Amino acid sequence: MSLIVQKYGGTSVGTVERIQAVAEKVARGHRLGDKLVVAVSAMSGETNRLIGLAREIDAQPSMREMDVLVSTGEQVTIALLCMALNKLGIEARSYTGGQVRILTDNAHGKARIKEIDGHRIEGDLDAGRVVVVAGFQGSDEDGNITTLGRGGSDTTAVALAAALNADECQIYTDVDGVYTTDPRVVSRAQRLDKITFDEMLEMASQGSKILQIRSVEFAGKYNVPLRVMSSFEEGPGTLISLEDDDQMEKAVVSGIAFNRDEAKLTIRGIPDQPGVAYKVLGAISAANIEIDVIVQNVAKDNSATITFTVHRNDLSQAETLLKQIAEDLGAEEIDADDQIAKVSIVGVGMRSHAGVAATMFEALANENINIQLITTSEIKTTVVIEERYLELAVRALHSGFGLDAPSTDQA
């Protein structure tokens, strides 16, 4: 008998028929003897519908009341799923985040989990019930409903698995696992049987949308084995776990991640002296704008150039701030570019293999793709290129590192 936490996203529970299909899947596992806790999202599109209703009343509604509103989406799903399970003869109990209790801080709209009281769930499991918990939500010390931010149901599931010391946390989505890259870009992308927490975290932070970054961080911190699986077809999915010796000996690069939502800003002709970088980047960060890649160059005349990237949605605000900074520092000019993209190669094997970056640069050079910025970590190398070359770059790198699936063409 295993204790399994499963999570089903909005697409997986998007209709009554799909909720019934999830119930049948859960029932099969329960009948095999597993103890099951199920975390669910709101039905697909429901959160956006609720947000739209709020915007019709107030363009900037109270975040406390927004949490009260949007948390109702998951409450609908947990009740319907328990009804479907009960109809199949499986006793099930539904709980909101506050009922569990999932205790969070009071940062409405982006709350962080502080602790989970698992006694109520454990009592139900011992009584042979399936427990269904609303994802994405909790409550603060004053009993106010809080939400964890978009994608927070993944974090709910992982946190429950950690609190209950579950054997595995299974994330059911509309894909059957983690791939070497997006199959919509590279048709010969392969599903990975296994990947490390570090690799998944890098891939998620560089553009892979399979899992929420916070959930991967949480899983790695508490060593919760994660498995990404499909709600719509059977299969082993992809296991995300701690690094082992076998993984160190596998392919140098595990996957190619990319992100189109990037913009680049450059400020030229600023003094090369201590504190200038802080004056430039500190003001941007103080506006709650996340900065990604940063490169600084110094010219022979001792003037400096700083280039950095931000999310494309933040470009306008960041450019306005940078113009003010440029005036204060007497900069020569600033440039803004929203036609860039970021491509990364990721793999724990990069730690023990030389020449990985050279292989990357050669593959891009062979396609005549210019590299604008480069940044590295222990298991990742990232380049910024023109967006129009993004898919070509991904295909070239995927092939260059031997990640293409074997051809099935007949001779």
Protein backbone atom coordinates (compact mmCIF):
# COMPACT_ATOMS: atom_id res chain seq x y z
CA MET A 1 0.00 0.00 0.00
CA SER A 2 1.37 3.43 -1.00
CA LEU A 3 0.33 6.93 -0.04
CA ILE A 4 -0.03 8.90 -3.26
CA VAL A 5 -0.92 12.56 -3.75
CA GLN A 6 -2.39 13.27 -7.19
CA LYS A 7 -3.02 16.65 -8.77
CA TYR A 8 -5.37 17.29 -11.70
CA GLY A 9 -5.22 20.61 -13.51
CA GLY A 10 -7.97 22.68 -15.07
CA THR A 11 -7.89 20.90 -18.43
CA SER A 12 -8.11 17.51 -16.72
CA VAL A 13 -11.31 18.58 -14.88
CA GLY A 14 -12.60 20.95 -17.55
CA THR A 15 -15.99 19.28 -18.03
CA VAL A 16 -18.31 17.00 -16.06
CA GLU A 17 -17.29 14.15 -18.35
CA ARG A 18 -13.61 14.74 -17.60
CA ILE A 19 -14.30 14.93 -13.86
CA GLN A 20 -16.03 11.55 -14.14
CA ALA A 21 -13.00 10.17 -16.01
CA VAL A 22 -10.72 11.45 -13.23
CA ALA A 23 -13.00 9.79 -10.67
CA GLU A 24 -12.65 6.47 -12.49
CA LYS A 25 -8.85 6.80 -12.54
CA VAL A 26 -8.78 7.63 -8.82
CA ALA A 27 -11.17 4.77 -8.06
CA ARG A 28 -8.88 2.27 -9.84
CA GLY A 29 -5.94 3.32 -7.71
CA HIS A 30 -8.00 3.17 -4.52
CA ARG A 31 -9.23 -0.32 -5.33
CA LEU A 32 -5.63 -1.46 -5.82
CA GLY A 33 -5.03 -0.50 -2.20
CA ASP A 34 -3.34 2.91 -2.46
CA LYS A 35 -4.18 5.69 -0.03
CA LEU A 36 -5.05 8.67 -2.22
CA VAL A 37 -5.15 12.41 -1.65
CA VAL A 38 -6.28 14.38 -4.70
CA ALA A 39 -5.64 18.09 -5.22
CA VAL A 40 -7.59 19.75 -8.02
CA SER A 41 -7.68 23.04 -9.89
CA ALA A 42 -10.75 24.95 -10.98
CA MET A 43 -12.40 23.81 -14.19
CA SER A 44 -10.60 25.14 -17.25
CA GLY A 45 -11.46 28.81 -17.87
CA GLU A 46 -13.29 29.26 -14.57
CA THR A 47 -10.65 31.38 -12.83
CA ASN A 48 -10.49 33.73 -15.81
CA ARG A 49 -14.29 33.99 -15.80
CA LEU A 50 -14.31 34.95 -12.13
CA ILE A 51 -11.55 37.51 -12.63
CA GLY A 52 -13.55 38.97 -15.51
CA LEU A 53 -16.59 39.38 -13.28
CA ALA A 54 -14.50 41.24 -10.72
CA ARG A 55 -13.05 43.56 -13.37
CA GLU A 56 -16.57 44.49 -14.49
CA ILE A 57 -17.14 45.92 -11.02
CA ASP A 58 -13.72 47.34 -10.18
CA ALA A 59 -10.58 47.50 -12.30
CA GLN A 60 -8.48 47.19 -9.14
CA PRO A 61 -10.54 45.22 -6.63
CA SER A 62 -9.41 44.39 -3.09
CA MET A 63 -6.98 41.48 -3.18
CA ARG A 64 -8.63 39.99 -0.10
CA GLU A 65 -11.99 39.88 -1.87
CA MET A 66 -10.37 38.58 -5.05
CA ASP A 67 -9.06 35.62 -3.07
CA VAL A 68 -12.54 34.97 -1.69
CA LEU A 69 -13.90 35.07 -5.24
CA VAL A 70 -11.39 33.03 -7.22
CA SER A 71 -11.06 30.33 -4.56
CA THR A 72 -14.64 29.27 -5.29
CA GLY A 73 -13.54 27.71 -8.58
CA GLU A 74 -11.70 24.88 -6.82
CA GLN A 75 -14.56 24.45 -4.35
CA VAL A 76 -16.87 23.54 -7.24
CA THR A 77 -14.40 20.96 -8.54
CA ILE A 78 -13.76 19.19 -5.22
CA ALA A 79 -17.49 18.77 -4.62
CA LEU A 80 -18.17 17.42 -8.11
CA LEU A 81 -15.24 15.01 -7.96
CA CYS A 82 -16.38 13.64 -4.59
CA MET A 83 -19.91 13.20 -5.96
CA ALA A 84 -18.48 11.26 -8.90
CA LEU A 85 -16.38 9.07 -6.58
CA ASN A 86 -19.31 8.42 -4.26
CA LYS A 87 -21.40 7.33 -7.24
CA LEU A 88 -18.67 4.79 -8.07
CA GLY A 89 -18.92 3.40 -4.55
CA ILE A 90 -15.78 5.12 -3.25
CA GLU A 91 -16.24 7.09 -0.05
CA ALA A 92 -14.63 10.50 -0.52
CA ARG A 93 -14.41 13.74 1.44
CA SER A 94 -13.75 17.21 0.03
CA TYR A 95 -11.91 19.99 1.84
CA THR A 96 -11.09 23.58 1.05
CA GLY A 97 -7.59 24.77 1.83
CA GLY A 98 -8.83 26.44 5.00
CA GLN A 99 -10.54 23.29 6.20
CA VAL A 100 -7.42 21.12 5.89
CA ARG A 101 -5.80 23.48 7.31
CA ILE A 102 -3.21 24.85 4.88
CA LEU A 103 -1.76 27.79 6.80
CA THR A 104 -0.25 30.57 4.69
CA ASP A 105 1.05 34.08 5.17
CA ASN A 106 -1.33 36.95 4.41
CA ALA A 107 0.04 37.98 1.01
CA HIS A 108 -3.25 37.82 -0.88
CA GLY A 109 -2.92 36.60 -4.46
CA LYS A 110 0.59 35.22 -3.92
CA ALA A 111 0.55 33.65 -0.46
CA ARG A 112 3.22 31.20 0.64
CA ILE A 113 2.52 28.05 2.62
CA LYS A 114 3.80 28.08 6.22
CA GLU A 115 2.53 24.70 7.43
CA ILE A 116 -0.12 22.04 6.89
CA ASP A 117 -2.06 20.19 9.57
CA GLY A 118 -2.35 16.66 8.19
CA HIS A 119 -4.32 15.08 11.06
CA ARG A 120 -7.73 15.46 9.46
CA ILE A 121 -6.55 13.97 6.17
CA GLU A 122 -4.74 11.11 7.91
CA GLY A 123 -7.90 10.24 9.84
CA ASP A 124 -9.91 10.00 6.62
CA LEU A 125 -7.22 7.91 4.91
CA ASP A 126 -7.11 5.51 7.83
CA ALA A 127 -10.90 5.19 7.53
CA GLY A 128 -10.49 4.12 3.89
CA ARG A 129 -11.65 7.37 2.28
CA VAL A 130 -10.24 9.28 -0.66
CA VAL A 131 -9.48 12.88 0.33
CA VAL A 132 -10.03 15.63 -2.25
CA VAL A 133 -8.44 19.01 -1.49
CA ALA A 134 -8.91 22.34 -3.25
CA GLY A 135 -5.62 23.39 -4.79
CA PHE A 136 -4.34 26.94 -5.08
CA GLN A 137 -5.63 28.10 -1.68
CA GLY A 138 -5.23 28.21 2.07
CA SER A 139 -5.96 30.56 4.95
CA ASP A 140 -3.88 32.89 7.09
CA GLU A 141 -3.67 33.01 10.88
CA ASP A 142 -6.77 35.22 11.02
CA GLY A 143 -8.82 32.76 8.97
CA ASN A 144 -8.81 34.88 5.80
CA ILE A 145 -8.91 32.91 2.54
CA THR A 146 -5.66 33.23 0.60
CA THR A 147 -4.52 32.02 -2.82
CA LEU A 148 -1.06 30.90 -3.91
CA GLY A 149 -0.91 32.53 -7.33
CA ARG A 150 -1.46 31.06 -10.78
CA GLY A 151 -0.42 27.43 -10.96
CA GLY A 152 -0.63 27.17 -7.19
CA SER A 153 -2.40 23.82 -7.30
CA ASP A 154 0.94 22.17 -8.15
CA THR A 155 2.41 23.71 -5.00
CA THR A 156 -0.60 22.56 -2.95
CA ALA A 157 -0.09 18.98 -4.11
CA VAL A 158 3.64 18.96 -3.39
CA ALA A 159 3.14 20.57 0.02
CA LEU A 160 0.51 17.97 0.91
CA ALA A 161 2.86 15.20 -0.20
CA ALA A 162 5.64 16.62 1.98
CA ALA A 163 3.38 17.07 5.02
CA LEU A 164 1.97 13.55 4.71
CA ASN A 165 5.32 11.93 3.85
CA ALA A 166 3.75 10.55 0.65
CA ASP A 167 5.54 7.97 -1.45
CA GLU A 168 4.99 10.02 -4.62
CA CYS A 169 3.28 13.15 -5.90
CA GLN A 170 1.73 12.64 -9.33
CA ILE A 171 0.96 15.73 -11.43
CA TYR A 172 -1.62 14.91 -14.10
CA THR A 173 -1.70 17.28 -17.07
CA ASP A 174 -2.57 17.30 -20.75
CA VAL A 175 0.91 15.98 -21.67
CA ASP A 176 2.36 12.55 -20.89
CA GLY A 177 5.58 13.74 -19.30
CA VAL A 178 8.53 16.10 -19.60
CA TYR A 179 10.06 16.22 -23.08
CA THR A 180 13.53 17.10 -24.29
CA THR A 181 11.89 20.20 -25.74
CA ASP A 182 8.46 21.33 -26.89
CA PRO A 183 7.20 18.69 -29.39
CA ARG A 184 5.30 21.45 -31.19
CA VAL A 185 8.66 22.93 -32.18
CA VAL A 186 10.67 19.73 -32.60
CA SER A 187 8.57 16.81 -33.80
CA ARG A 188 11.28 14.33 -32.79
CA ALA A 189 11.44 15.48 -29.16
CA GLN A 190 11.51 12.56 -26.71
CA ARG A 191 9.78 12.01 -23.40
CA LEU A 192 12.27 11.74 -20.55
CA ASP A 193 11.90 8.78 -18.19
CA LYS A 194 13.69 10.62 -15.40
CA ILE A 195 15.00 14.11 -14.67
CA THR A 196 16.52 15.72 -11.58
CA PHE A 197 14.95 18.47 -9.49
CA ASP A 198 17.77 20.81 -10.54
CA GLU A 199 17.23 20.12 -14.23
CA MET A 200 13.46 20.57 -13.94
CA LEU A 201 13.91 23.79 -12.01
CA GLU A 202 16.23 25.18 -14.67
CA MET A 203 13.89 24.12 -17.48
CA ALA A 204 10.88 25.62 -15.71
CA SER A 205 12.70 28.89 -15.05
CA GLN A 206 13.85 29.08 -18.67
CA GLY A 207 10.42 28.70 -20.22
CA SER A 208 9.12 25.14 -19.82
CA LYS A 209 5.47 25.44 -18.72
CA ILE A 210 5.00 21.86 -17.48
CA LEU A 211 5.32 22.64 -13.76
CA GLN A 212 5.13 25.75 -11.62
CA ILE A 213 8.62 26.76 -10.45
CA ARG A 214 7.57 27.02 -6.80
CA SER A 215 6.29 23.45 -6.80
CA VAL A 216 9.61 22.14 -8.12
CA GLU A 217 11.52 24.15 -5.50
CA PHE A 218 9.24 22.76 -2.78
CA ALA A 219 9.65 19.19 -4.03
CA GLY A 220 13.44 19.50 -4.12
CA LYS A 221 13.60 21.05 -0.65
CA TYR A 222 11.57 18.24 0.93
CA ASN A 223 12.70 15.48 -1.45
CA VAL A 224 9.19 14.68 -2.69
CA PRO A 225 9.38 12.41 -5.78
CA LEU A 226 7.32 14.07 -8.53
CA ARG A 227 5.88 12.29 -11.54
CA VAL A 228 4.36 14.17 -14.49
CA MET A 229 1.67 12.07 -16.19
CA SER A 230 -1.17 12.41 -18.68
CA SER A 231 -4.80 12.57 -17.58
CA PHE A 232 -5.93 11.26 -20.97
CA GLU A 233 -3.68 8.29 -21.71
CA GLU A 234 -1.87 5.62 -19.74
CA GLY A 235 1.89 5.69 -19.34
CA PRO A 236 4.75 5.98 -16.83
CA GLY A 237 5.25 9.71 -17.31
CA THR A 238 8.47 11.39 -16.16
CA LEU A 239 9.89 10.97 -12.65
CA ILE A 240 11.51 14.05 -11.11
CA SER A 241 13.78 13.18 -8.19
CA LEU A 242 17.15 13.64 -6.59
CA GLU A 243 20.25 13.20 -8.70
CA ASP A 244 21.85 9.76 -8.69
CA ASP A 245 24.98 8.19 -10.17
CA ASP A 246 23.12 6.86 -13.20
CA GLN A 247 21.92 10.36 -14.08
CA MET A 248 25.45 11.74 -13.89
CA GLU A 249 26.47 9.26 -16.60
CA LYS A 250 23.55 9.93 -18.95
CA ALA A 251 23.38 12.37 -21.86
CA VAL A 252 25.29 15.60 -21.27
CA VAL A 253 22.22 17.70 -22.11
CA SER A 254 18.76 16.57 -21.00
CA GLY A 255 16.67 19.22 -22.71
CA ILE A 256 16.33 22.49 -24.59
CA ALA A 257 14.19 25.17 -22.94
CA PHE A 258 13.16 28.47 -24.48
CA ASN A 259 11.20 31.60 -23.71
CA ARG A 260 9.68 34.06 -26.16
CA ASP A 261 8.49 36.53 -23.51
CA GLU A 262 11.78 38.40 -23.27
CA ALA A 263 12.88 41.99 -23.91
CA LYS A 264 16.33 43.55 -23.75
CA LEU A 265 17.45 46.95 -22.48
CA THR A 266 20.88 48.53 -22.92
CA ILE A 267 22.33 51.67 -21.32
CA ARG A 268 25.60 52.96 -22.83
CA GLY A 269 28.20 55.50 -21.83
CA ILE A 270 27.80 55.40 -18.06
CA PRO A 271 30.70 55.89 -15.60
CA ASP A 272 32.73 52.77 -14.80
CA GLN A 273 32.81 53.19 -11.06
CA PRO A 274 31.52 51.39 -7.94
CA GLY A 275 27.80 51.69 -7.34
CA VAL A 276 26.75 52.48 -10.90
CA ALA A 277 25.43 48.99 -11.62
CA TYR A 278 23.36 49.21 -8.45
CA LYS A 279 21.95 52.60 -9.49
CA VAL A 280 20.83 51.09 -12.80
CA LEU A 281 19.58 47.68 -11.73
CA GLY A 282 18.51 48.56 -8.18
CA ALA A 283 15.96 51.07 -9.43
CA ILE A 284 14.52 48.50 -11.85
CA SER A 285 14.29 45.83 -9.14
CA ALA A 286 12.73 48.31 -6.70
CA ALA A 287 9.84 48.63 -9.17
CA ASN A 288 9.24 44.87 -8.72
CA ILE A 289 10.53 44.14 -12.23
CA GLU A 290 12.39 40.85 -12.43
CA ILE A 291 15.76 41.07 -14.17
CA ASP A 292 17.17 37.98 -15.84
CA VAL A 293 20.34 38.00 -17.95
CA ILE A 294 22.85 40.78 -17.12
CA VAL A 295 26.03 41.69 -19.03
CA GLN A 296 28.37 44.62 -18.33
CA ASN A 297 31.18 45.77 -20.64
CA VAL A 298 33.84 48.46 -20.14
CA ALA A 299 35.26 50.45 -23.06
CA LYS A 300 38.80 51.81 -23.38
CA ASP A 301 37.58 55.28 -22.39
CA ASN A 302 36.42 53.77 -19.05
CA SER A 303 32.75 54.15 -19.89
CA ALA A 304 30.50 51.17 -19.22
CA THR A 305 27.60 49.52 -20.99
CA ILE A 306 25.02 47.44 -19.13
CA THR A 307 22.59 45.16 -20.93
CA PHE A 308 19.86 43.18 -19.19
CA THR A 309 16.64 41.37 -19.99
CA VAL A 310 13.17 41.63 -18.45
CA HIS A 311 9.79 40.07 -19.16
CA ARG A 312 8.28 41.60 -22.28
CA ASN A 313 5.25 42.82 -20.33
CA ASP A 314 7.59 44.91 -18.12
CA LEU A 315 9.50 46.53 -20.98
CA SER A 316 7.56 49.79 -21.13
CA GLN A 317 7.84 50.47 -17.41
CA ALA A 318 11.49 49.42 -17.31
CA GLU A 319 12.35 51.63 -20.30
CA THR A 320 10.70 54.65 -18.66
CA LEU A 321 12.72 54.07 -15.49
CA LEU A 322 15.92 53.55 -17.47
CA LYS A 323 15.47 56.89 -19.26
CA GLN A 324 15.34 58.63 -15.88
CA ILE A 325 18.42 56.73 -14.71
CA ALA A 326 20.27 57.56 -17.94
CA GLU A 327 19.59 61.27 -17.43
CA ASP A 328 20.87 61.13 -13.84
CA LEU A 329 24.06 59.30 -14.86
CA GLY A 330 24.71 61.28 -18.03
CA ALA A 331 24.48 58.19 -20.21
CA GLU A 332 25.03 58.43 -23.95
CA GLU A 333 21.97 56.43 -24.99
CA ILE A 334 19.61 53.59 -24.19
CA ASP A 335 18.17 50.92 -26.48
CA ALA A 336 15.10 48.69 -26.07
CA ASP A 337 14.45 45.51 -28.04
CA ASP A 338 11.34 43.36 -27.71
CA GLN A 339 12.19 41.03 -30.61
CA ILE A 340 14.48 38.67 -28.75
CA ALA A 341 14.15 35.18 -27.27
CA LYS A 342 16.06 33.07 -24.79
CA VAL A 343 17.28 29.51 -25.49
CA SER A 344 18.91 27.25 -22.88
CA ILE A 345 20.57 23.86 -22.83
CA VAL A 346 20.09 22.05 -19.50
CA GLY A 347 21.69 18.90 -18.08
CA VAL A 348 23.43 17.64 -14.93
CA GLY A 349 25.94 15.92 -17.22
CA MET A 350 27.33 19.37 -18.07
CA ARG A 351 29.09 19.35 -14.69
CA SER A 352 31.49 16.63 -15.76
CA HIS A 353 31.88 17.22 -19.49
CA ALA A 354 34.03 19.82 -21.24
CA GLY A 355 33.20 21.54 -24.50
CA VAL A 356 29.44 21.73 -24.03
CA ALA A 357 29.24 25.48 -24.64
CA ALA A 358 31.46 25.12 -27.73
CA THR A 359 29.08 22.51 -29.15
CA MET A 360 26.18 24.87 -28.52
CA PHE A 361 27.89 27.80 -30.22
CA GLU A 362 28.94 25.65 -33.18
CA ALA A 363 25.36 24.44 -33.73
CA LEU A 364 24.10 28.03 -33.76
CA ALA A 365 26.96 29.24 -35.97
CA ASN A 366 26.19 26.54 -38.53
CA GLU A 367 22.70 28.07 -38.85
CA ASN A 368 24.15 31.62 -39.01
CA ILE A 369 22.40 32.59 -35.76
CA ASN A 370 24.04 35.48 -33.91
CA ILE A 371 24.33 35.32 -30.11
CA GLN A 372 23.59 38.60 -28.34
CA LEU A 373 24.04 37.60 -24.69
CA ILE A 374 25.34 34.54 -22.84
CA THR A 375 24.82 33.41 -19.25
CA THR A 376 25.72 30.14 -17.55
CA SER A 377 25.19 28.11 -14.40
CA GLU A 378 26.59 24.75 -13.36
CA ILE A 379 24.01 22.79 -15.38
CA LYS A 380 22.75 25.38 -17.87
CA THR A 381 23.97 27.63 -20.66
CA THR A 382 21.59 30.30 -21.95
CA VAL A 383 21.84 32.55 -24.99
CA VAL A 384 19.75 35.48 -26.13
CA ILE A 385 19.06 35.63 -29.87
CA GLU A 386 16.69 37.29 -32.32
CA GLU A 387 13.21 35.90 -31.84
CA ARG A 388 12.79 35.11 -35.54
CA TYR A 389 15.52 32.46 -35.25
CA LEU A 390 14.12 30.81 -32.12
CA GLU A 391 12.61 27.65 -33.58
CA LEU A 392 15.56 27.14 -35.92
CA ALA A 393 17.91 27.44 -32.93
CA VAL A 394 15.93 24.96 -30.85
CA ARG A 395 15.90 22.39 -33.66
CA ALA A 396 19.63 22.85 -34.31
CA LEU A 397 20.53 22.41 -30.64
CA HIS A 398 18.18 19.46 -30.17
CA SER A 399 19.84 17.68 -33.08
CA GLY A 400 23.34 18.86 -32.19
CA PHE A 401 23.19 17.30 -28.74
CA GLY A 402 21.73 14.02 -30.01
CA LEU A 403 18.29 14.47 -28.49
CA ASP A 404 16.23 13.66 -31.60
CA ALA A 405 14.17 10.47 -31.40
CA PRO A 406 15.34 7.74 -33.80
CA SER A 407 13.74 8.04 -37.21
CA THR A 408 10.82 5.72 -37.90
CA ASP A 409 11.00 6.20 -41.67
CA GLN A 410 11.01 2.97 -43.65
CA ALA A 411 13.87 2.34 -46.07
